[in-house]
Amino acid sequence: MHFIIIGGDAAGMSAAMQIVRNSTGHSITVLEKGGNYSYGQCGLPYVIGGKIESTNKVIARTQKEFQEKYGIDARVFHEVKSIDATQKVVTGVNHSTGETFDLAYDRLLIATGASPVVPNWEGKTLQGIFTLKTIPDTEEILDYLYKGYRDIKDVTIIGGGYIGIEMAENFVELGKNVTIIDRNEQLAGIFDRELADLVHDEAMKQNIKLRLGETVEGFIGESFVEYVKTDKGEIKTDLVLIAVGVKPNTEFSKEAGIVTGVKGAIQVNSCMQTNVKDIFAAGDCATQFHRIKERDDYIPLGTHANKQGQIAGLNMVNLHKTFKGVVGTSVMKFFDLTLGRTGLSEKEAEGLNIPVASVAIQARDIAGYYPDAKKMTVKLVYHKETHKLLGGQIIGERGVDKRIDVLSTSLFHSMTIEELVDLDLAYAPPYNGVWDPIQQAARRVK
């Protein structure tokens, strides 16, 4: 068989490696639009902030390694433009030579990822306006910061989600004056408002200016951006980062008759198969089944991409394995705080017409009498009638990741609030109290 994979990052190369490791006698061609393979996109904000010394450090395997060590025909600057699902041929352009190509496949994986959303704002092509998704994006921002184009003092971030929050921290630590604009009334929209207020407090503590409930209308400047224009005025700026979300790269897929679903992502089943025979999809261009919502969702994260890619690769060589779904777990760092969440927020549950209740407490990450115990805020969301756990949110300085993973595991196994109390969790004064904070919260439920 000849396998073609479109996209050479997390999902695509996870699939390629499963084909290599679990079969023989097949050929694999990977068509990557850009110039880099298998890199950690989530590390890019920390390259800009200087915690990671260069973009080379986030590359897991190079094109050369895939070719020479694993025998994969890994190509760069090969952009697929169309798929003929009847003839089983992909057509595209080699941007290195300008030549077009036609390649036949027996089975095809679409792992094209997602691209940053950039609304059609006036002045969006001015110099100094960036998005952050790829290694070239990162290097362009670094060049602009350090190559003397202008003195960068004031940075404006549009969007208060993952990338916006992480980049705000990194720009502040570079000594920049940071403003975050978000059209919503809160940062970190995946959290309920009382938890988001803790994020707001930390932002103000770090002298970040928040412009919430404010809508961007465009940019003003000659060749370089000088102001961001909003519905409430103008904001002086030397650099703008647009971080308002991503959209799946699925344009040519639709033309091939491949069905798309949530937010335009490719609809896949648990084996990563599309509706078209011998075409699979995985990663940020595909849907993910949400175990708590009990329906397909679109939550583009590296963890999901790697798992879906692995499962797609196994099924492409007839080794049956299914994707078990997601529960919406994430964690991020924001200065002294760790923000963790899993499952549904109370706001999401209400939007799904689920009878919902919640409990929120303040606790300590370790035994209260042990030196340097830190506060954390824990919120549990549960079904009002059955007491089934629906989600959890935790914000604190330490120990958040540990508790969120416990809640994520509990959600995966459909546990109730009462069953959280029964868990046998590790205890010693330097690590925990006799009742873990999530158990303390669970015990408040009557």
Foldseek 3Di string as FASTA:
>chain_A
DEEEEEAAEQLRVLLVVLLLVPDDDYAYEYEHQAQFHYFDLLCLLVCLLPVDVARVVRHPDGPVCCCPVRVHNYDYNWDWDAAQLVQQWTWTARVVVRDIDIDHGPFYEYAPAWDFDDPPAPPCQAPQEAEGGDRVRSVSVNCLPPVPPDPFAEEEEEAQAFVSQSNLQSVLSVVHAYEYEYLAQFHHVQAPDVVRVVVVVLCVVSNYHYHYNKAWRHFDDDRHTQWTQIPVGIDGGRHYYYHHDIAAPCVNVVVNVWDADERRAGEAFFLQDTPRPNYGYAAQRHWFQAPLLRGTDHDHDSVRSNVNSNSNSCVSVPNHDGHLTAFAWDWDDRVQKIKIKTFHHPVVCVVSVFQKDKFKDKDWQFPPVDPPTWIKIKMWMAGPPPQFTGMIIMMIRDDPVVVRVVVRVSVSVRHGLVVLLVDDDDHDRVGHDPQHPSNVRSVVPD
